[in-house]
Amino acid sequence: MPRAALHQDALKPWQHRSWIFITDPRFRDKAERVLDLYARTFDGVELGEDEYVISADRRPPSRPAAAATPPSPPARPERCA
């Protein structure tokens, strides 16, 4: 995208500070569970050297339709008579 188009665009995120307003009253409790794992603790007990934290997304990332569609088989050359 040309630089001139960016100047004309109404959206200029680099000119604004962003804030997240938490509305979930249980957010602190939920966040502390995750942050404790980053600190390698679980239920107030430090994880041992042989204990690991594994993280996974609930949903796999969406893929574009082209990537989700299997490739077509290669074309077969026609024989000349």
N, C-alpha and C. Protein backbone atom coordinates (compact mmCIF):
# COMPACT_ATOMS: atom_id res chain seq x y z
N MET A 1 0.86 -1.18 0.00
CA MET A 1 0.00 0.00 0.00
C MET A 1 0.90 1.24 0.00
N PRO A 2 0.68 2.13 -0.93
CA PRO A 2 1.51 3.34 -0.98
C PRO A 2 1.36 4.18 0.29
N ARG A 3 2.42 4.86 0.62
CA ARG A 3 2.42 5.70 1.82
C ARG A 3 1.33 6.78 1.76
N ALA A 4 1.07 7.32 0.58
CA ALA A 4 0.04 8.36 0.44
C ALA A 4 -1.34 7.82 0.83
N ALA A 5 -1.61 6.57 0.50
CA ALA A 5 -2.90 5.97 0.86
C ALA A 5 -3.04 5.87 2.37
N LEU A 6 -1.95 5.57 3.07
CA LEU A 6 -2.02 5.49 4.52
C LEU A 6 -2.32 6.85 5.14
N HIS A 7 -1.80 7.91 4.56
CA HIS A 7 -2.07 9.25 5.09
C HIS A 7 -3.52 9.66 4.88
N GLN A 8 -4.15 9.17 3.82
CA GLN A 8 -5.54 9.52 3.53
C GLN A 8 -6.52 8.67 4.32
N ASP A 9 -6.09 7.51 4.78
CA ASP A 9 -6.97 6.59 5.48
C ASP A 9 -7.41 7.18 6.82
N ALA A 10 -8.65 6.91 7.20
CA ALA A 10 -9.18 7.41 8.48
C ALA A 10 -8.61 6.63 9.65
N LEU A 11 -8.20 5.38 9.43
CA LEU A 11 -7.66 4.56 10.50
C LEU A 11 -6.16 4.78 10.62
N LYS A 12 -5.73 5.27 11.76
CA LYS A 12 -4.32 5.51 12.01
C LYS A 12 -3.99 5.00 13.41
N PRO A 13 -3.89 3.67 13.56
CA PRO A 13 -3.72 3.11 14.89
C PRO A 13 -2.45 3.57 15.60
N TRP A 14 -1.42 3.94 14.86
CA TRP A 14 -0.18 4.37 15.49
C TRP A 14 -0.33 5.73 16.18
N GLN A 15 -1.45 6.43 15.94
CA GLN A 15 -1.67 7.73 16.56
C GLN A 15 -2.53 7.63 17.83
N HIS A 16 -2.92 6.45 18.22
CA HIS A 16 -3.81 6.29 19.37
C HIS A 16 -3.23 5.30 20.36
N ARG A 17 -3.47 5.59 21.61
CA ARG A 17 -3.15 4.61 22.65
C ARG A 17 -4.34 3.68 22.77
N SER A 18 -4.07 2.44 23.02
CA SER A 18 -5.17 1.50 23.16
C SER A 18 -5.31 1.07 24.61
N TRP A 19 -6.51 0.81 25.01
CA TRP A 19 -6.82 0.38 26.35
C TRP A 19 -7.75 -0.81 26.27
N ILE A 20 -7.59 -1.72 27.20
CA ILE A 20 -8.51 -2.85 27.28
C ILE A 20 -9.29 -2.68 28.58
N PHE A 21 -10.59 -2.63 28.46
CA PHE A 21 -11.43 -2.52 29.64
C PHE A 21 -11.99 -3.90 29.95
N ILE A 22 -11.56 -4.45 31.05
CA ILE A 22 -11.99 -5.78 31.46
C ILE A 22 -13.39 -5.67 32.08
N THR A 23 -14.31 -6.48 31.57
CA THR A 23 -15.68 -6.45 32.09
C THR A 23 -16.02 -7.71 32.88
N ASP A 24 -15.20 -8.74 32.79
CA ASP A 24 -15.46 -9.99 33.49
C ASP A 24 -15.06 -9.83 34.96
N PRO A 25 -15.99 -9.97 35.90
CA PRO A 25 -15.64 -9.81 37.31
C PRO A 25 -14.67 -10.88 37.82
N ARG A 26 -14.57 -12.01 37.12
CA ARG A 26 -13.67 -13.08 37.54
C ARG A 26 -12.35 -13.06 36.77
N PHE A 27 -12.09 -11.95 36.05
CA PHE A 27 -10.90 -11.88 35.22
C PHE A 27 -9.62 -12.09 36.04
N ARG A 28 -9.52 -11.45 37.19
CA ARG A 28 -8.30 -11.56 37.99
C ARG A 28 -8.02 -13.02 38.37
N ASP A 29 -9.06 -13.74 38.80
CA ASP A 29 -8.88 -15.14 39.17
C ASP A 29 -8.42 -15.97 37.98
N LYS A 30 -9.04 -15.74 36.82
CA LYS A 30 -8.68 -16.49 35.61
C LYS A 30 -7.26 -16.15 35.16
N ALA A 31 -6.91 -14.87 35.19
CA ALA A 31 -5.58 -14.45 34.74
C ALA A 31 -4.50 -14.97 35.68
N GLU A 32 -4.77 -14.99 36.98
CA GLU A 32 -3.76 -15.46 37.93
C GLU A 32 -3.41 -16.92 37.70
N ARG A 33 -4.38 -17.73 37.32
CA ARG A 33 -4.09 -19.15 37.04
C ARG A 33 -3.10 -19.28 35.89
N VAL A 34 -3.30 -18.48 34.85
CA VAL A 34 -2.41 -18.54 33.69
C VAL A 34 -1.04 -17.94 34.03
N LEU A 35 -1.04 -16.80 34.70
CA LEU A 35 0.22 -16.15 35.03
C LEU A 35 1.05 -17.00 35.99
N ASP A 36 0.39 -17.72 36.89
CA ASP A 36 1.12 -18.63 37.78
C ASP A 36 1.84 -19.71 36.97
N LEU A 37 1.20 -20.21 35.93
CA LEU A 37 1.86 -21.23 35.10
C LEU A 37 3.09 -20.65 34.39
N TYR A 38 2.99 -19.39 33.94
CA TYR A 38 4.16 -18.75 33.35
C TYR A 38 5.29 -18.65 34.36
N ALA A 39 4.92 -18.48 35.63
CA ALA A 39 5.91 -18.41 36.71
C ALA A 39 6.30 -19.80 37.21
N ARG A 40 5.79 -20.85 36.55
CA ARG A 40 6.06 -22.25 36.88
C ARG A 40 5.58 -22.63 38.28
N THR A 41 4.38 -22.16 38.64
CA THR A 41 3.74 -22.58 39.88
C THR A 41 2.34 -23.05 39.57
N PHE A 42 1.86 -24.02 40.37
CA PHE A 42 0.49 -24.53 40.22
C PHE A 42 -0.08 -24.74 41.62
N ASP A 43 -1.21 -24.09 41.88
CA ASP A 43 -1.84 -24.13 43.21
C ASP A 43 -0.85 -23.74 44.30
N GLY A 44 -0.02 -22.74 44.00
CA GLY A 44 0.93 -22.24 44.98
C GLY A 44 2.17 -23.08 45.16
N VAL A 45 2.32 -24.17 44.42
CA VAL A 45 3.48 -25.05 44.53
C VAL A 45 4.34 -24.90 43.28
N GLU A 46 5.64 -24.71 43.49
CA GLU A 46 6.55 -24.56 42.36
C GLU A 46 6.66 -25.88 41.59
N LEU A 47 6.65 -25.79 40.26
CA LEU A 47 6.78 -26.99 39.43
C LEU A 47 8.18 -27.57 39.55
N GLY A 48 8.28 -28.88 39.48
CA GLY A 48 9.57 -29.56 39.54
C GLY A 48 10.28 -29.50 38.20
N GLU A 49 11.53 -29.92 38.20
CA GLU A 49 12.34 -29.92 36.98
C GLU A 49 11.75 -30.83 35.91
N ASP A 50 11.03 -31.88 36.32
CA ASP A 50 10.48 -32.84 35.37
C ASP A 50 9.01 -32.54 35.03
N GLU A 51 8.51 -31.38 35.43
CA GLU A 51 7.12 -30.99 35.13
C GLU A 51 7.13 -29.86 34.11
N TYR A 52 6.18 -29.94 33.17
CA TYR A 52 6.14 -28.99 32.07
C TYR A 52 4.76 -28.38 31.93
N VAL A 53 4.71 -27.19 31.37
CA VAL A 53 3.46 -26.52 31.03
C VAL A 53 3.33 -26.58 29.52
N ILE A 54 2.22 -27.13 29.04
CA ILE A 54 1.95 -27.22 27.61
C ILE A 54 0.74 -26.36 27.32
N SER A 55 0.86 -25.52 26.32
CA SER A 55 -0.22 -24.61 25.95
C SER A 55 -0.74 -24.97 24.56
N ALA A 56 -2.07 -24.92 24.40
CA ALA A 56 -2.67 -25.20 23.10
C ALA A 56 -3.90 -24.31 22.92
N ASP A 57 -4.15 -23.89 21.70
CA ASP A 57 -5.34 -23.10 21.40
C ASP A 57 -6.56 -24.00 21.43
N ARG A 58 -7.69 -23.43 21.79
CA ARG A 58 -8.94 -24.18 21.77
C ARG A 58 -9.34 -24.54 20.35
N ARG A 59 -9.21 -23.58 19.46
CA ARG A 59 -9.59 -23.78 18.07
C ARG A 59 -8.35 -23.67 17.20
N PRO A 60 -8.26 -24.51 16.19
CA PRO A 60 -7.14 -24.34 15.26
C PRO A 60 -7.33 -23.05 14.46
N PRO A 61 -6.26 -22.45 14.01
CA PRO A 61 -6.41 -21.23 13.21
C PRO A 61 -7.16 -21.52 11.92
N SER A 62 -7.92 -20.56 11.46
CA SER A 62 -8.64 -20.76 10.20
C SER A 62 -7.64 -20.71 9.05
N ARG A 63 -7.93 -21.50 8.05
CA ARG A 63 -7.06 -21.54 6.88
C ARG A 63 -7.81 -20.98 5.68
N PRO A 64 -7.12 -20.30 4.81
CA PRO A 64 -7.79 -19.83 3.59
C PRO A 64 -8.32 -21.03 2.79
N ALA A 65 -9.34 -20.81 2.03
CA ALA A 65 -9.97 -21.88 1.26
C ALA A 65 -8.97 -22.58 0.35
N ALA A 66 -8.05 -21.84 -0.21
CA ALA A 66 -7.07 -22.45 -1.12
C ALA A 66 -6.19 -23.45 -0.37
N ALA A 67 -5.86 -23.16 0.86
CA ALA A 67 -5.02 -24.07 1.64
C ALA A 67 -5.82 -25.27 2.13
N ALA A 68 -7.12 -25.09 2.34
CA ALA A 68 -7.96 -26.17 2.84
C ALA A 68 -8.35 -27.14 1.73
N THR A 69 -8.27 -26.71 0.50
CA THR A 69 -8.64 -27.55 -0.64
C THR A 69 -7.45 -28.40 -1.06
N PRO A 70 -7.62 -29.71 -1.18
CA PRO A 70 -6.48 -30.54 -1.60
C PRO A 70 -6.08 -30.19 -3.03
N PRO A 71 -4.82 -30.32 -3.35
CA PRO A 71 -4.38 -29.98 -4.71
C PRO A 71 -4.96 -30.94 -5.74
N SER A 72 -5.13 -30.47 -6.96
CA SER A 72 -5.62 -31.30 -8.04
C SER A 72 -4.51 -32.26 -8.47
N PRO A 73 -4.90 -33.45 -8.97
CA PRO A 73 -3.88 -34.37 -9.46
C PRO A 73 -3.20 -33.78 -10.68
N PRO A 74 -1.97 -34.15 -10.94
CA PRO A 74 -1.27 -33.60 -12.12
C PRO A 74 -1.98 -34.03 -13.41
N ALA A 75 -1.91 -33.15 -14.39
CA ALA A 75 -2.55 -33.43 -15.67
C ALA A 75 -1.77 -34.51 -16.40
N ARG A 76 -2.51 -35.37 -17.09
CA ARG A 76 -1.88 -36.44 -17.86
C ARG A 76 -1.67 -35.94 -19.27
N PRO A 77 -0.48 -36.12 -19.83
CA PRO A 77 -0.25 -35.66 -21.21
C PRO A 77 -1.05 -36.51 -22.19
N GLU A 78 -1.57 -35.85 -23.22
CA GLU A 78 -2.33 -36.56 -24.24
C GLU A 78 -1.37 -37.21 -25.23
N ARG A 79 -1.77 -38.38 -25.70
CA ARG A 79 -0.92 -39.06 -26.67
C ARG A 79 -1.30 -38.62 -28.09
N CYS A 80 -0.31 -38.40 -28.87
CA CYS A 80 -0.56 -38.01 -30.26
C CYS A 80 -0.75 -39.29 -31.10
N ALA A 81 -1.70 -39.26 -32.00
CA ALA A 81 -1.96 -40.43 -32.84
C ALA A 81 -1.11 -40.46 -34.07
